[in-house]
């Protein structure tokens, strides 16, 4: 009878450990999926920005500096994204949003550009991608938080440590991006 009781306890313990392990795997994979969703949107935006810049270049002959800043910011996002460097990606994303704001502000000085259907479609598409990226970033960060909390809690911490489950890094916005946008400065920068 004691042997059956010991085996039953061991079986329950084994089942519990398997459930804990599977839960950790599920959270890790949710973080990966959330990142993949951001990845798709970043790639789409990466593909659309040169089209926007080229459309603007046709009209904005004297605004090369603004266009170059957009492309430099795009390159910084791409580089940080490839390295999966979350702090650098957050900073680069903020810079890209700021330069896009400058570009849109400068575009206000070019009525033909504002009226161009291609420009309007690209602006709408990129704005929609920016919104979707923000939504995906929020979801990614919530999955990271769940993962990091779970692998730090007892008893999952024992399995997490044993099987190499590591905390994931949040995608954060730097302090500058949290401040209100000075729209007037955007117009003065043009």
C-alpha atoms as a PDB file:
ATOM      1  CA  UNK A   1       0.000   0.000   0.000  1.00  0.00           C
ATOM      2  CA  UNK A   2       2.846   2.401   0.831  1.00  0.00           C
ATOM      3  CA  UNK A   3       4.472   1.657  -2.520  1.00  0.00           C
ATOM      4  CA  UNK A   4       1.241   2.545  -4.352  1.00  0.00           C
ATOM      5  CA  UNK A   5       0.957   5.777  -2.373  1.00  0.00           C
ATOM      6  CA  UNK A   6       4.589   6.727  -3.121  1.00  0.00           C
ATOM      7  CA  UNK A   7       4.094   5.933  -6.812  1.00  0.00           C
ATOM      8  CA  UNK A   8       0.898   7.994  -6.875  1.00  0.00           C
ATOM      9  CA  UNK A   9       2.661  10.972  -5.272  1.00  0.00           C
ATOM     10  CA  UNK A  10       5.566  10.639  -7.736  1.00  0.00           C
ATOM     11  CA  UNK A  11       3.130  10.427 -10.641  1.00  0.00           C
ATOM     12  CA  UNK A  12       1.286  13.556  -9.473  1.00  0.00           C
ATOM     13  CA  UNK A  13       4.610  15.350  -9.015  1.00  0.00           C
ATOM     14  CA  UNK A  14       5.746  14.300 -12.488  1.00  0.00           C
ATOM     15  CA  UNK A  15       2.498  15.458 -14.055  1.00  0.00           C
ATOM     16  CA  UNK A  16       2.786  18.773 -12.203  1.00  0.00           C
ATOM     17  CA  UNK A  17       6.372  19.268 -13.418  1.00  0.00           C
ATOM     18  CA  UNK A  18       5.367  18.480 -17.010  1.00  0.00           C
ATOM     19  CA  UNK A  19       2.529  20.989 -16.780  1.00  0.00           C
ATOM     20  CA  UNK A  20       4.897  23.638 -15.400  1.00  0.00           C
ATOM     21  CA  UNK A  21       7.433  22.950 -18.136  1.00  0.00           C
ATOM     22  CA  UNK A  22       4.778  23.082 -20.874  1.00  0.00           C
ATOM     23  CA  UNK A  23       3.483  26.352 -19.469  1.00  0.00           C
ATOM     24  CA  UNK A  24       6.980  27.832 -19.643  1.00  0.00           C
ATOM     25  CA  UNK A  25       7.393  26.633 -23.219  1.00  0.00           C
ATOM     26  CA  UNK A  26       4.026  28.129 -24.129  1.00  0.00           C
ATOM     27  CA  UNK A  27       5.002  31.523 -22.708  1.00  0.00           C
ATOM     28  CA  UNK A  28       8.378  31.482 -24.448  1.00  0.00           C
ATOM     29  CA  UNK A  29       6.680  30.713 -27.753  1.00  0.00           C
ATOM     30  CA  UNK A  30       4.104  33.475 -27.176  1.00  0.00           C
ATOM     31  CA  UNK A  31       6.952  35.964 -26.821  1.00  0.00           C
ATOM     32  CA  UNK A  32       8.484  34.680 -30.059  1.00  0.00           C
ATOM     33  CA  UNK A  33       5.155  34.935 -31.863  1.00  0.00           C
ATOM     34  CA  UNK A  34       4.560  38.450 -30.573  1.00  0.00           C
ATOM     35  CA  UNK A  35       8.015  39.455 -31.827  1.00  0.00           C
ATOM     36  CA  UNK A  36       7.324  37.834 -35.200  1.00  0.00           C
ATOM     37  CA  UNK A  37       4.149  39.927 -35.490  1.00  0.00           C
ATOM     38  CA  UNK A  38       6.163  43.092 -34.889  1.00  0.00           C
ATOM     39  CA  UNK A  39       8.760  41.820 -37.340  1.00  0.00           C
ATOM     40  CA  UNK A  40       6.200  41.566 -40.141  1.00  0.00           C
ATOM     41  CA  UNK A  41       4.958  45.113 -39.579  1.00  0.00           C
ATOM     42  CA  UNK A  42       8.462  46.549 -39.339  1.00  0.00           C
ATOM     43  CA  UNK A  43       9.331  44.894 -42.635  1.00  0.00           C
ATOM     44  CA  UNK A  44       6.212  46.282 -44.290  1.00  0.00           C
ATOM     45  CA  UNK A  45       7.028  49.773 -43.061  1.00  0.00           C
ATOM     46  CA  UNK A  46      10.650  49.310 -44.094  1.00  0.00           C
ATOM     47  CA  UNK A  47       9.435  48.507 -47.618  1.00  0.00           C
ATOM     48  CA  UNK A  48       7.007  51.453 -47.789  1.00  0.00           C
ATOM     49  CA  UNK A  49       9.303  54.244 -46.575  1.00  0.00           C
ATOM     50  CA  UNK A  50      11.528  54.414 -49.683  1.00  0.00           C
ATOM     51  CA  UNK A  51       8.397  54.785 -51.813  1.00  0.00           C
ATOM     52  CA  UNK A  52       7.236  57.687 -49.649  1.00  0.00           C
ATOM     53  CA  UNK A  53      10.636  59.353 -49.755  1.00  0.00           C
ATOM     54  CA  UNK A  54      10.849  58.964 -53.529  1.00  0.00           C
ATOM     55  CA  UNK A  55       7.383  60.441 -53.979  1.00  0.00           C
ATOM     56  CA  UNK A  56       8.375  63.378 -51.781  1.00  0.00           C
ATOM     57  CA  UNK A  57      11.728  63.780 -53.533  1.00  0.00           C
ATOM     58  CA  UNK A  58       9.925  64.466 -56.795  1.00  0.00           C
ATOM     59  CA  UNK A  59       8.283  67.520 -55.230  1.00  0.00           C
ATOM     60  CA  UNK A  60      10.635  68.567 -52.469  1.00  0.00           C
ATOM     61  CA  UNK A  61      13.795  69.528 -54.308  1.00  0.00           C
ATOM     62  CA  UNK A  62      15.106  71.691 -51.482  1.00  0.00           C
ATOM     63  CA  UNK A  63      14.313  69.429 -48.562  1.00  0.00           C
ATOM     64  CA  UNK A  64      17.008  66.789 -49.003  1.00  0.00           C
ATOM     65  CA  UNK A  65      18.044  67.018 -45.349  1.00  0.00           C
ATOM     66  CA  UNK A  66      14.607  65.938 -44.131  1.00  0.00           C
ATOM     67  CA  UNK A  67      14.451  63.067 -46.613  1.00  0.00           C
ATOM     68  CA  UNK A  68      17.938  61.887 -45.651  1.00  0.00           C
ATOM     69  CA  UNK A  69      17.008  61.941 -41.956  1.00  0.00           C
ATOM     70  CA  UNK A  70      14.031  59.672 -42.666  1.00  0.00           C
ATOM     71  CA  UNK A  71      16.233  57.207 -44.530  1.00  0.00           C
ATOM     72  CA  UNK A  72      18.922  57.292 -41.822  1.00  0.00           C
ATOM     73  CA  UNK A  73      16.299  56.631 -39.155  1.00  0.00           C
ATOM     74  CA  UNK A  74      14.926  53.781 -41.276  1.00  0.00           C
ATOM     75  CA  UNK A  75      18.427  52.285 -41.499  1.00  0.00           C
ATOM     76  CA  UNK A  76      18.891  52.592 -37.713  1.00  0.00           C
ATOM     77  CA  UNK A  77      15.594  50.767 -37.083  1.00  0.00           C
ATOM     78  CA  UNK A  78      16.602  48.047 -39.508  1.00  0.00           C
ATOM     79  CA  UNK A  79      20.027  47.575 -37.916  1.00  0.00           C
ATOM     80  CA  UNK A  80      18.642  47.437 -34.356  1.00  0.00           C
ATOM     81  CA  UNK A  81      15.891  45.094 -35.500  1.00  0.00           C
ATOM     82  CA  UNK A  82      18.372  42.681 -37.092  1.00  0.00           C
ATOM     83  CA  UNK A  83      20.486  42.655 -33.915  1.00  0.00           C
ATOM     84  CA  UNK A  84      17.326  42.244 -31.770  1.00  0.00           C
ATOM     85  CA  UNK A  85      18.698  45.066 -29.642  1.00  0.00           C
ATOM     86  CA  UNK A  86      15.526  46.207 -27.873  1.00  0.00           C
ATOM     87  CA  UNK A  87      16.909  49.418 -26.302  1.00  0.00           C
ATOM     88  CA  UNK A  88      18.439  50.509 -29.624  1.00  0.00           C
ATOM     89  CA  UNK A  89      15.257  49.558 -31.478  1.00  0.00           C
ATOM     90  CA  UNK A  90      13.140  51.676 -29.131  1.00  0.00           C
ATOM     91  CA  UNK A  91      15.461  54.654 -29.645  1.00  0.00           C
ATOM     92  CA  UNK A  92      15.563  54.168 -33.423  1.00  0.00           C
ATOM     93  CA  UNK A  93      11.765  53.832 -33.574  1.00  0.00           C
ATOM     94  CA  UNK A  94      11.417  57.140 -31.731  1.00  0.00           C
ATOM     95  CA  UNK A  95      13.819  58.817 -34.131  1.00  0.00           C
ATOM     96  CA  UNK A  96      11.937  57.435 -37.126  1.00  0.00           C
ATOM     97  CA  UNK A  97       8.607  58.682 -35.793  1.00  0.00           C
ATOM     98  CA  UNK A  98      10.123  62.119 -35.200  1.00  0.00           C
ATOM     99  CA  UNK A  99      11.601  62.335 -38.693  1.00  0.00           C
ATOM    100  CA  UNK A 100       8.331  61.166 -40.246  1.00  0.00           C
ATOM    101  CA  UNK A 101       6.595  63.942 -38.318  1.00  0.00           C
ATOM    102  CA  UNK A 102       9.087  66.421 -39.759  1.00  0.00           C
ATOM    103  CA  UNK A 103       8.522  65.025 -43.230  1.00  0.00           C
ATOM    104  CA  UNK A 104       4.762  65.378 -42.938  1.00  0.00           C
ATOM    105  CA  UNK A 105       5.175  68.908 -41.577  1.00  0.00           C
ATOM    106  CA  UNK A 106       7.454  69.870 -44.474  1.00  0.00           C
ATOM    107  CA  UNK A 107       4.976  68.312 -46.906  1.00  0.00           C
ATOM    108  CA  UNK A 108       2.467  70.924 -45.746  1.00  0.00           C
ATOM    109  CA  UNK A 109       4.543  73.475 -47.707  1.00  0.00           C
ATOM    110  CA  UNK A 110       4.018  71.564 -50.953  1.00  0.00           C
ATOM    111  CA  UNK A 111       0.370  71.651 -52.032  1.00  0.00           C
ATOM    112  CA  UNK A 112       1.062  69.512 -55.120  1.00  0.00           C
ATOM    113  CA  UNK A 113       2.647  66.853 -52.938  1.00  0.00           C
ATOM    114  CA  UNK A 114      -0.233  66.881 -50.462  1.00  0.00           C
ATOM    115  CA  UNK A 115      -2.642  66.465 -53.363  1.00  0.00           C
ATOM    116  CA  UNK A 116      -0.649  63.620 -54.930  1.00  0.00           C
ATOM    117  CA  UNK A 117      -2.676  60.421 -54.653  1.00  0.00           C
ATOM    118  CA  UNK A 118       0.431  58.246 -54.266  1.00  0.00           C
ATOM    119  CA  UNK A 119       1.651  60.417 -51.377  1.00  0.00           C
ATOM    120  CA  UNK A 120      -1.751  60.278 -49.700  1.00  0.00           C
ATOM    121  CA  UNK A 121      -1.926  56.481 -50.015  1.00  0.00           C
ATOM    122  CA  UNK A 122       1.616  56.008 -48.717  1.00  0.00           C
ATOM    123  CA  UNK A 123       1.039  58.409 -45.830  1.00  0.00           C
ATOM    124  CA  UNK A 124      -2.156  56.581 -44.891  1.00  0.00           C
ATOM    125  CA  UNK A 125      -0.457  53.181 -45.187  1.00  0.00           C
ATOM    126  CA  UNK A 126       2.535  54.204 -43.068  1.00  0.00           C
ATOM    127  CA  UNK A 127       0.299  55.822 -40.455  1.00  0.00           C
ATOM    128  CA  UNK A 128      -1.729  52.606 -40.248  1.00  0.00           C
ATOM    129  CA  UNK A 129       1.487  50.575 -39.915  1.00  0.00           C
ATOM    130  CA  UNK A 130       2.681  52.877 -37.114  1.00  0.00           C
ATOM    131  CA  UNK A 131      -0.560  52.280 -35.257  1.00  0.00           C
ATOM    132  CA  UNK A 132      -0.353  48.523 -35.781  1.00  0.00           C
ATOM    133  CA  UNK A 133       3.277  48.474 -34.599  1.00  0.00           C
ATOM    134  CA  UNK A 134       2.263  50.312 -31.420  1.00  0.00           C
ATOM    135  CA  UNK A 135      -0.484  47.752 -30.802  1.00  0.00           C
ATOM    136  CA  UNK A 136       1.875  44.830 -31.424  1.00  0.00           C
ATOM    137  CA  UNK A 137       4.525  46.379 -29.210  1.00  0.00           C
ATOM    138  CA  UNK A 138       1.991  46.530 -26.377  1.00  0.00           C
ATOM    139  CA  UNK A 139       1.056  42.875 -26.921  1.00  0.00           C
ATOM    140  CA  UNK A 140       4.731  41.847 -27.125  1.00  0.00           C
ATOM    141  CA  UNK A 141       5.519  43.647 -23.874  1.00  0.00           C
ATOM    142  CA  UNK A 142       2.572  41.979 -22.124  1.00  0.00           C
ATOM    143  CA  UNK A 143       3.818  38.561 -23.259  1.00  0.00           C
ATOM    144  CA  UNK A 144       7.338  39.402 -22.094  1.00  0.00           C
ATOM    145  CA  UNK A 145       5.965  40.473 -18.731  1.00  0.00           C
ATOM    146  CA  UNK A 146       4.008  37.233 -18.364  1.00  0.00           C
ATOM    147  CA  UNK A 147       7.053  35.191 -19.346  1.00  0.00           C
ATOM    148  CA  UNK A 148       9.418  37.036 -17.027  1.00  0.00           C
ATOM    149  CA  UNK A 149       7.007  36.866 -14.101  1.00  0.00           C
ATOM    150  CA  UNK A 150       6.383  33.163 -14.583  1.00  0.00           C
ATOM    151  CA  UNK A 151      10.041  32.161 -14.780  1.00  0.00           C
ATOM    152  CA  UNK A 152      10.734  34.113 -11.595  1.00  0.00           C
ATOM    153  CA  UNK A 153       7.898  32.554  -9.558  1.00  0.00           C
ATOM    154  CA  UNK A 154       8.233  29.486  -7.386  1.00  0.00           C
ATOM    155  CA  UNK A 155       8.151  26.597  -8.288  1.00  0.00           C
ATOM    156  CA  UNK A 156       8.519  27.440 -12.006  1.00  0.00           C
ATOM    157  CA  UNK A 157      11.808  29.182 -11.252  1.00  0.00           C
ATOM    158  CA  UNK A 158      13.339  25.774 -10.447  1.00  0.00           C
ATOM    159  CA  UNK A 159      12.399  24.362 -13.834  1.00  0.00           C
ATOM    160  CA  UNK A 160      13.182  27.601 -15.664  1.00  0.00           C
ATOM    161  CA  UNK A 161      16.682  27.657 -14.245  1.00  0.00           C
ATOM    162  CA  UNK A 162      17.209  23.951 -14.868  1.00  0.00           C
ATOM    163  CA  UNK A 163      16.059  24.067 -18.510  1.00  0.00           C
ATOM    164  CA  UNK A 164      17.511  27.455 -19.499  1.00  0.00           C
ATOM    165  CA  UNK A 165      14.369  29.579 -19.753  1.00  0.00           C
ATOM    166  CA  UNK A 166      15.628  33.159 -19.821  1.00  0.00           C
ATOM    167  CA  UNK A 167      13.850  36.454 -19.287  1.00  0.00           C
ATOM    168  CA  UNK A 168      12.944  38.347 -22.460  1.00  0.00           C
ATOM    169  CA  UNK A 169      13.638  42.027 -22.944  1.00  0.00           C
ATOM    170  CA  UNK A 170      10.856  44.615 -23.080  1.00  0.00           C
ATOM    171  CA  UNK A 171      10.618  46.930 -26.061  1.00  0.00           C
ATOM    172  CA  UNK A 172      10.641  50.317 -24.365  1.00  0.00           C
ATOM    173  CA  UNK A 173      10.122  53.892 -25.448  1.00  0.00           C
ATOM    174  CA  UNK A 174      12.756  56.358 -24.354  1.00  0.00           C
ATOM    175  CA  UNK A 175      11.881  59.366 -22.235  1.00  0.00           C
ATOM    176  CA  UNK A 176      11.987  61.804 -25.180  1.00  0.00           C
ATOM    177  CA  UNK A 177       9.162  59.984 -26.970  1.00  0.00           C
ATOM    178  CA  UNK A 178       6.913  60.300 -23.914  1.00  0.00           C
ATOM    179  CA  UNK A 179       6.958  64.083 -24.101  1.00  0.00           C
ATOM    180  CA  UNK A 180       4.331  66.061 -25.960  1.00  0.00           C
ATOM    181  CA  UNK A 181       5.175  66.791 -29.576  1.00  0.00           C
ATOM    182  CA  UNK A 182       5.940  70.437 -30.300  1.00  0.00           C
ATOM    183  CA  UNK A 183       4.085  70.735 -33.601  1.00  0.00           C
ATOM    184  CA  UNK A 184       5.257  74.302 -34.048  1.00  0.00           C
ATOM    185  CA  UNK A 185       8.873  73.144 -33.901  1.00  0.00           C
ATOM    186  CA  UNK A 186       8.172  70.653 -36.652  1.00  0.00           C
ATOM    187  CA  UNK A 187       7.013  73.465 -38.902  1.00  0.00           C
ATOM    188  CA  UNK A 188       9.948  75.680 -37.948  1.00  0.00           C
ATOM    189  CA  UNK A 189      12.344  72.798 -38.735  1.00  0.00           C
ATOM    190  CA  UNK A 190      11.175  72.894 -42.336  1.00  0.00           C
END
